[in-house]
Protein backbone atom coordinates (compact mmCIF):
# COMPACT_ATOMS: atom_id res chain seq x y z
CA MET A 1 -32.00 23.14 -79.70
CA LYS A 2 -32.93 26.82 -79.39
CA ILE A 3 -35.99 25.98 -77.25
CA LYS A 4 -33.85 23.74 -75.05
CA ILE A 5 -31.29 26.52 -74.45
CA GLN A 6 -34.06 28.99 -73.59
CA LYS A 7 -35.52 26.45 -71.16
CA VAL A 8 -32.13 26.02 -69.45
CA LYS A 9 -31.74 29.81 -69.16
CA PHE A 10 -35.25 30.06 -67.75
CA ILE A 11 -34.51 27.45 -65.09
CA ARG A 12 -31.17 29.10 -64.31
CA ASN A 13 -32.86 32.49 -63.83
CA ILE A 14 -35.40 30.93 -61.49
CA VAL A 15 -32.62 29.35 -59.41
CA ILE A 16 -30.71 32.65 -59.30
CA GLY A 17 -33.89 34.43 -58.26
CA ILE A 18 -34.56 31.96 -55.44
CA VAL A 19 -30.97 32.28 -54.18
CA ALA A 20 -31.26 36.07 -54.32
CA LEU A 21 -34.46 35.93 -52.29
CA PHE A 22 -32.75 33.82 -49.62
CA ILE A 23 -29.86 36.29 -49.49
CA VAL A 24 -32.22 39.25 -49.15
CA ALA A 25 -34.22 37.43 -46.48
CA PHE A 26 -31.01 36.69 -44.58
CA ILE A 27 -29.89 40.31 -44.74
CA ILE A 28 -33.29 41.59 -43.63
CA ASN A 29 -33.28 39.06 -40.84
CA ILE A 30 -30.03 40.28 -39.30
CA ALA A 31 -30.05 44.02 -39.96
CA PRO A 32 -30.65 46.08 -38.03
CA GLY A 33 -31.41 43.75 -35.19
CA TYR A 34 -29.85 42.07 -32.27
CA LYS A 35 -27.38 44.69 -31.17
CA ARG A 36 -25.24 42.55 -28.86
CA ASN A 37 -23.89 40.63 -31.85
CA LYS A 38 -23.23 43.81 -33.79
CA PHE A 39 -21.71 45.71 -30.85
CA GLN A 40 -20.05 43.03 -28.77
CA ASN A 41 -17.66 45.50 -27.13
CA VAL A 42 -20.22 48.25 -26.60
CA THR A 43 -22.50 48.77 -23.60
CA ASN A 44 -26.02 47.97 -24.77
CA LEU A 45 -29.11 49.97 -23.78
CA ILE A 46 -32.51 48.34 -23.49
CA ILE A 47 -35.58 50.47 -22.80
CA GLY A 48 -38.57 48.32 -21.95
CA ASP A 49 -38.99 45.87 -24.79
CA GLU A 50 -36.50 47.39 -27.23
CA ASN A 51 -32.74 47.27 -27.61
CA VAL A 52 -31.95 50.83 -28.75
CA THR A 53 -28.15 50.50 -28.83
CA GLU A 54 -27.90 51.03 -32.57
CA ASN A 55 -29.74 54.35 -32.24
CA LEU A 56 -27.49 55.80 -29.55
CA LYS A 57 -25.98 59.12 -30.61
CA LYS A 58 -23.18 58.80 -28.06
CA PRO A 59 -21.77 55.70 -26.37
CA ILE A 60 -22.89 55.00 -22.82
CA TYR A 61 -20.24 56.10 -20.32
CA LYS A 62 -19.21 54.15 -17.23
CA ASP A 63 -16.93 55.53 -14.54
CA GLU A 64 -14.46 53.50 -12.46
CA GLU A 65 -17.21 52.50 -10.04
CA GLU A 66 -19.45 51.27 -12.88
CA ASN A 67 -21.89 54.18 -12.49
CA ILE A 68 -23.84 54.60 -15.72
CA TYR A 69 -24.07 57.89 -17.60
CA ILE A 70 -26.19 58.60 -20.67
CA SER A 71 -25.56 61.57 -22.95
CA LYS A 72 -27.90 64.54 -22.95
CA GLU A 73 -28.62 63.86 -26.64
CA ASP A 74 -29.79 60.32 -25.88
CA ILE A 75 -31.84 61.38 -22.85
CA GLU A 76 -33.54 63.78 -25.25
CA GLN A 77 -34.40 61.14 -27.86
CA PHE A 78 -35.49 58.41 -25.44
CA LEU A 79 -36.83 60.05 -22.25
CA ASP A 80 -37.16 63.83 -22.37
CA LYS A 81 -37.63 65.75 -25.61
CA THR A 82 -37.44 69.10 -23.75
CA ILE A 83 -34.24 68.54 -21.73
CA TYR A 84 -32.26 71.76 -21.84
CA TYR A 85 -28.75 72.98 -21.09
CA ASP A 86 -28.65 76.46 -19.54
CA GLU A 87 -25.20 77.64 -20.59
CA GLU A 88 -25.26 80.76 -18.41
CA ASN A 89 -25.75 78.72 -15.22
CA ASP A 90 -23.97 75.58 -16.45
CA THR A 91 -27.12 73.69 -15.51
CA VAL A 92 -29.15 70.91 -17.11
CA ILE A 93 -32.93 71.28 -16.80
CA ALA A 94 -35.02 68.14 -17.15
CA THR A 95 -38.80 67.90 -17.30
CA SER A 96 -41.31 65.08 -17.09
CA GLU A 97 -45.08 64.93 -16.77
CA VAL A 98 -45.15 66.38 -13.23
CA SER A 99 -41.51 67.23 -12.46
CA VAL A 100 -38.97 69.92 -13.25
CA ALA A 101 -35.43 69.12 -12.17
CA SER A 102 -32.25 71.14 -12.41
CA MET A 103 -28.72 69.94 -11.80
CA LYS A 104 -25.60 72.05 -12.07
CA ILE A 105 -22.70 70.33 -13.78
CA GLY A 106 -20.14 69.19 -11.20
CA GLU A 107 -22.42 69.65 -8.16
CA LYS A 108 -23.96 66.73 -6.27
CA ILE A 109 -27.35 68.38 -5.78
CA ILE A 110 -30.52 68.00 -7.80
CA ASN A 111 -33.49 70.35 -7.40
CA ILE A 112 -36.84 68.68 -8.08
CA ASN A 113 -39.94 70.89 -8.06
CA GLY A 114 -38.18 73.41 -5.84
CA THR A 115 -36.68 70.96 -3.33
CA ASN A 116 -32.96 70.23 -3.15
CA LYS A 117 -31.78 66.64 -2.83
CA ASP A 118 -28.21 65.41 -2.39
CA THR A 119 -26.92 63.00 -5.02
CA LEU A 120 -24.10 60.48 -5.16
CA GLU A 121 -23.14 61.34 -8.73
CA THR A 122 -23.12 64.53 -10.73
CA ILE A 123 -23.45 65.54 -14.35
CA ILE A 124 -20.09 65.40 -16.10
CA ARG A 125 -18.45 66.36 -19.38
CA VAL A 126 -16.56 63.77 -21.40
CA ASN A 127 -15.01 64.84 -24.71
CA ASP A 128 -17.31 67.89 -24.89
CA THR A 129 -20.38 65.69 -24.34
CA ILE A 130 -22.66 66.27 -21.36
CA TYR A 131 -23.30 62.98 -19.56
CA ILE A 132 -26.10 62.52 -17.03
CA PRO A 133 -26.05 59.88 -14.24
CA ILE A 134 -29.17 57.92 -15.07
CA LYS A 135 -29.59 56.60 -11.52
CA GLU A 136 -30.08 60.14 -10.21
CA MET A 137 -32.92 60.73 -12.70
CA LYS A 138 -35.10 57.85 -11.53
CA ILE A 139 -37.48 60.06 -9.55
CA VAL A 140 -37.69 62.68 -12.28
CA TYR A 141 -38.59 60.26 -15.08
CA ASN A 142 -40.32 57.62 -12.93
CA ILE A 143 -38.03 54.88 -14.19
CA GLU A 144 -36.23 51.83 -12.85
CA THR A 145 -32.67 51.16 -13.94
CA LYS A 146 -30.49 48.09 -13.80
CA TYR A 147 -26.98 47.33 -15.03
CA LEU A 148 -26.09 43.76 -15.97
CA GLU A 149 -22.34 43.83 -15.53
CA GLU A 150 -21.56 40.41 -17.02
CA GLU A 151 -23.59 41.11 -20.19
CA ASP A 152 -22.66 44.85 -20.20
CA ILE A 153 -26.30 45.85 -20.63
CA VAL A 154 -28.18 48.81 -19.16
CA ILE A 155 -31.92 48.25 -18.73
CA ILE A 156 -34.43 51.08 -18.23
CA ASP A 157 -38.07 50.37 -17.43
CA LYS A 158 -40.71 53.09 -17.36
CA LEU A 159 -42.75 52.50 -14.22
CA ASN A 160 -45.97 53.82 -15.76
CA GLU A 161 -45.88 51.12 -18.44
CA GLY A 162 -47.30 47.67 -17.82
CA MET A 163 -45.10 44.65 -17.11
CA ILE A 164 -45.90 40.94 -16.94
CA LYS A 165 -43.81 38.13 -15.48
CA ALA A 166 -43.99 34.66 -16.99
CA GLU A 167 -42.29 31.30 -16.77
CA ALA A 168 -41.12 28.98 -19.53
CA LYS A 169 -42.89 25.61 -19.39
CA LYS A 170 -40.69 24.12 -22.08
CA GLU A 171 -37.43 24.86 -23.85
CA ALA A 172 -37.72 27.24 -26.79
CA LYS A 173 -35.60 29.22 -29.19
CA ILE A 174 -35.76 33.00 -28.83
CA ARG A 175 -36.24 34.58 -32.24
CA PHE A 176 -35.34 38.07 -33.44
CA ARG A 177 -38.65 38.37 -35.27
CA PRO A 178 -41.99 36.59 -34.71
CA ARG A 179 -41.42 33.77 -37.14
CA ALA A 180 -39.86 30.32 -36.98
CA LEU A 181 -37.06 30.96 -39.50
CA SER A 182 -35.95 34.24 -37.89
CA LYS A 183 -32.52 34.55 -36.34
CA ASN A 184 -31.93 32.52 -33.16
CA LEU A 185 -30.94 34.83 -30.28
CA GLY A 186 -30.65 32.17 -27.62
CA THR A 187 -32.53 29.40 -25.84
CA LEU A 188 -35.21 29.83 -23.19
CA GLN A 189 -34.80 27.11 -20.57
CA VAL A 190 -37.59 25.29 -18.75
CA GLY A 191 -38.54 27.21 -15.58
CA GLU A 192 -36.75 30.40 -16.65
CA THR A 193 -38.53 33.62 -15.64
CA VAL A 194 -38.94 36.38 -18.21
CA ASN A 195 -40.64 39.74 -18.62
CA ALA A 196 -43.44 39.44 -21.18
CA PHE A 197 -44.82 42.36 -23.18
CA TYR A 198 -47.49 41.52 -25.72
CA THR A 199 -48.76 38.84 -28.09
CA THR A 200 -48.70 39.42 -31.83
CA SER A 201 -51.47 38.31 -34.17
CA LYS A 202 -49.36 35.30 -35.12
CA GLY A 203 -49.34 33.93 -31.58
CA TRP A 204 -45.86 35.06 -30.63
CA ARG A 205 -44.89 36.71 -27.36
CA LEU A 206 -42.27 39.45 -27.01
CA ILE A 207 -40.08 38.76 -23.99
CA ARG A 208 -36.98 40.00 -22.19
CA THR A 209 -34.84 37.50 -20.31
CA GLU A 210 -33.03 38.20 -17.05
CA SER A 211 -29.80 38.37 -19.05
CA GLY A 212 -31.20 41.13 -21.28
CA ILE A 213 -32.09 39.22 -24.44
CA VAL A 214 -35.11 40.78 -26.16
CA GLY A 215 -36.90 38.57 -28.66
CA TYR A 216 -39.92 36.43 -29.48
CA VAL A 217 -41.12 33.02 -28.38
CA LYS A 218 -44.38 31.24 -29.15
CA ALA A 219 -47.09 32.28 -26.68
CA ASN A 220 -47.80 28.66 -25.75
CA VAL A 221 -44.25 28.35 -24.38
CA LEU A 222 -45.11 30.59 -21.41
CA THR A 223 -47.10 29.81 -18.28
CA ASN A 224 -47.84 31.27 -14.84
CA GLU A 225 -48.21 34.79 -16.21
CA TYR A 226 -48.97 37.48 -13.68
CA ILE A 227 -49.09 41.26 -13.84
CA ILE A 228 -46.42 42.99 -11.77
CA ARG A 229 -47.29 46.49 -12.97
CA GLN A 230 -50.39 47.91 -14.60
CA ASP A 231 -50.18 50.24 -17.59
CA MET A 232 -50.66 53.69 -16.06
CA LYS A 233 -49.53 56.13 -18.72
CA GLN A 234 -49.82 59.72 -17.53
CA GLU A 235 -48.65 61.56 -20.60
CA THR A 236 -50.74 64.56 -21.53
CA GLN A 237 -52.63 64.16 -24.78
CA THR A 238 -52.71 67.69 -26.15
CA LYS A 239 -55.99 68.64 -27.84
CA LYS A 240 -56.84 71.53 -30.15
CA ILE A 241 -59.98 73.55 -29.45
CA SER A 242 -61.50 76.78 -30.75
CA ILE A 243 -63.22 78.82 -28.03
CA ASN A 244 -64.04 82.37 -26.97
CA ILE A 245 -61.46 83.45 -24.38
CA GLU A 246 -62.88 86.92 -23.75
CA ASP A 247 -63.24 87.88 -20.08
CA GLY A 248 -66.47 86.48 -18.63
CA SER A 249 -67.00 83.80 -21.30
CA LYS A 250 -68.84 80.75 -20.01
CA LEU A 251 -67.95 77.52 -21.77
CA ASP A 252 -68.41 73.78 -21.68
CA ILE A 253 -65.04 72.07 -22.21
CA GLU A 254 -65.54 68.33 -22.57
CA GLY A 255 -68.24 68.31 -19.92
CA THR A 256 -66.52 70.77 -17.58
CA LYS A 257 -68.17 74.16 -17.03
CA VAL A 258 -65.50 76.85 -17.41
CA LEU A 259 -65.49 80.59 -16.69
CA ILE A 260 -62.79 82.62 -18.51
CA LYS A 261 -61.33 85.54 -16.54
CA ASP A 262 -58.61 88.11 -17.32
CA LEU A 263 -56.78 87.79 -14.03
CA LEU A 264 -53.06 87.50 -14.46
CA SER A 265 -50.23 89.48 -16.00
CA ILE A 266 -46.47 89.72 -15.66
CA THR A 267 -44.89 93.18 -15.53
CA GLU A 268 -41.48 94.29 -16.73
CA GLU A 269 -40.14 93.50 -13.25
CA GLY A 270 -41.34 89.95 -13.64
CA ILE A 271 -43.86 90.21 -10.79
CA LEU A 272 -47.04 88.20 -11.20
CA LEU A 273 -50.07 90.39 -10.42
CA LYS A 274 -53.74 89.69 -9.86
CA ASN A 275 -55.78 92.17 -11.89
CA VAL A 276 -59.19 91.65 -10.30
CA GLU A 277 -60.72 89.85 -7.38
CA ILE A 278 -61.84 86.30 -8.10
CA ILE A 279 -65.38 85.36 -7.17
CA ASN A 280 -65.46 81.70 -6.23
CA ASP A 281 -68.06 79.79 -8.17
CA GLU A 282 -68.63 76.23 -7.04
CA GLU A 283 -70.40 75.38 -10.29
CA MET A 284 -67.65 76.53 -12.68
CA ASP A 285 -63.90 76.08 -13.04
CA ILE A 286 -62.06 79.37 -13.45
CA TRP A 287 -59.54 79.50 -16.30
CA ALA A 288 -57.38 82.59 -16.04
CA ASN A 289 -55.86 84.31 -19.08
CA LEU A 290 -52.18 85.07 -18.52
CA SER A 291 -50.59 87.79 -20.64
CA ILE A 292 -46.82 88.24 -20.52
CA GLU A 293 -45.61 91.76 -21.20
CA ASN A 294 -41.88 92.49 -21.56
CA ALA A 295 -40.91 89.98 -18.88
CA ASP A 296 -37.29 88.83 -18.88
CA LEU A 297 -37.46 85.05 -19.10
CA SER A 298 -33.88 84.44 -20.19
CA ASN A 299 -32.61 83.24 -16.80
CA PHE A 300 -33.69 79.88 -15.39
CA GLU A 301 -33.71 81.07 -11.79
CA ASP A 302 -35.92 84.03 -12.70
CA ARG A 303 -38.29 81.71 -14.57
CA ILE A 304 -38.53 79.45 -11.52
CA LYS A 305 -39.48 82.43 -9.33
CA MET A 306 -42.24 83.38 -11.77
CA ILE A 307 -43.42 79.78 -11.89
CA LYS A 308 -43.64 79.59 -8.10
CA ASN A 309 -45.59 82.87 -8.00
CA THR A 310 -47.93 81.68 -10.73
CA VAL A 311 -48.67 78.38 -9.00
CA SER A 312 -49.05 80.03 -5.59
CA ILE A 313 -51.59 82.60 -6.80
CA ALA A 314 -53.48 80.01 -8.82
CA MET A 315 -53.85 77.71 -5.82
CA LYS A 316 -54.78 80.46 -3.38
CA ASN A 317 -57.49 81.74 -5.69
CA ASN A 318 -58.89 78.36 -6.76
CA ILE A 319 -57.86 78.81 -10.40
CA LYS A 320 -58.30 75.50 -12.22
CA GLY A 321 -56.69 76.44 -15.53
CA ILE A 322 -54.30 78.97 -17.03
CA ASN A 323 -54.41 80.16 -20.64
CA ILE A 324 -51.04 81.56 -21.69
CA ILE A 325 -51.38 83.90 -24.64
CA VAL A 326 -48.48 83.21 -27.02
CA THR A 327 -47.77 86.11 -29.36
CA ASN A 328 -44.27 85.11 -30.48
CA THR A 329 -41.91 82.17 -30.82
CA ASP A 330 -39.41 83.42 -28.26
CA LYS A 331 -37.35 80.47 -26.95
CA ASN A 332 -37.36 81.83 -23.42
CA LEU A 333 -41.15 81.94 -23.43
CA GLU A 334 -41.17 78.34 -24.67
CA ARG A 335 -38.93 77.34 -21.77
CA PHE A 336 -41.20 79.16 -19.30
CA ILE A 337 -44.23 77.18 -20.52
CA ILE A 338 -42.35 73.87 -20.64
CA GLU A 339 -41.07 74.37 -17.07
CA LEU A 340 -44.41 75.69 -15.75
CA ALA A 341 -46.51 72.83 -17.16
CA PRO A 342 -45.28 69.97 -14.88
CA ILE A 343 -45.68 72.07 -11.72
CA LEU A 344 -49.25 73.04 -12.61
CA LYS A 345 -50.14 69.45 -13.50
CA GLU A 346 -48.74 68.22 -10.19
CA VAL A 347 -51.30 70.33 -8.32
CA GLY A 348 -54.13 69.56 -10.75
CA ILE A 349 -54.22 72.81 -12.75
CA VAL A 350 -54.85 72.71 -16.51
CA ILE A 351 -52.33 74.58 -18.68
CA ASN A 352 -53.22 75.80 -22.17
CA ILE A 353 -51.69 78.05 -24.79
CA VAL A 354 -53.61 80.50 -26.92
CA ASP A 355 -52.23 80.40 -30.44
CA GLU A 356 -52.15 83.80 -32.06
CA GLY A 357 -51.07 82.24 -35.34
CA ASN A 358 -47.32 81.96 -35.03
CA ILE A 359 -46.44 79.05 -32.78
CA ASP A 360 -44.85 75.71 -33.55
CA GLU A 361 -47.52 73.32 -32.29
CA GLU A 362 -45.09 70.42 -32.11
CA THR A 363 -43.15 72.27 -29.40
CA TYR A 364 -46.15 72.13 -27.07
CA THR A 365 -47.64 68.79 -28.09
CA ASP A 366 -47.93 66.50 -25.04
CA ILE A 367 -46.75 69.42 -22.88
CA VAL A 368 -49.95 71.48 -22.51
CA ASN A 369 -53.53 70.27 -22.17
CA TYR A 370 -55.06 72.40 -24.91
CA ILE A 371 -53.86 74.47 -27.84
CA ILE A 372 -56.54 77.15 -28.16
CA THR A 373 -57.44 79.22 -31.18
CA ARG A 374 -59.79 82.15 -30.72
CA GLU A 375 -63.35 81.56 -31.84
């Protein structure tokens, strides 16, 4: 009798365990996941192949004309880690790989790399949150935006990331995860066109439908695939190097012959000066050391003037790289480098920082070309 009771308990525990596993699997399968079910009355945001609605720090704002605004905090986490609000000038400063843009709150003008452009919308404040009209930032961030009014979904595609179009050759369920028992998000109809992203090792394809559903179908469901945009990522991959940056040093930097020169400095007045004449050398790229001494970098407009002077002198004198010597963690100096980097990159000039032992490398990662330590 005792053995029989133990056997019954054993079987019962197995059954309970199996049920528990199914419950856990169900929970994992639905959370966090398909945001439109979880936030039916909330505007969804899809960036490329991911629905990021659940990660929004602030809700997306729509005005009476259905113009879409995204909070500064969410622009920072999804598109621009260095976006900055200049309180003194009531201006938002945005940066991308080769662009610096400024837009004063309430004014329908955006300045991109020194050129003013009229806008239809302006940056606004809603409940003490700064909201940015995403349509006006398309040129800055090289993105394409679309609002699906019926589904209440905002879609952002980065134009430097690859995109494939495909067609469904048979009806198929769209799954939340790449497996047959995953949650059903909808049905892909025969002949329906989708954006396709990549194939997993299990033979599934990540897709986005025209109605904004992001999920997986079996790869063999799709046909007539064609590339509509190649992957052309431009982001700077910051590298760390240890070199001699003394004046006159001749170096080989990843196959490029470089001549280091002490050429540039900024005075207390903020004027960029050329210390010595540059001798053009067709066989070597000149990298100029830039030392900043007591310059006032607290004002955005003053920083822009210095940036323009820096770029102008570098181009006129065939300087191919600038090494900025960083001796402190001053936030204004950080902003100067962050705002200078895109302008230099746009004209093909390398920007580096020389670490004197007290910088936060993460601040400059993917912003500058090289973080240099002295050899």
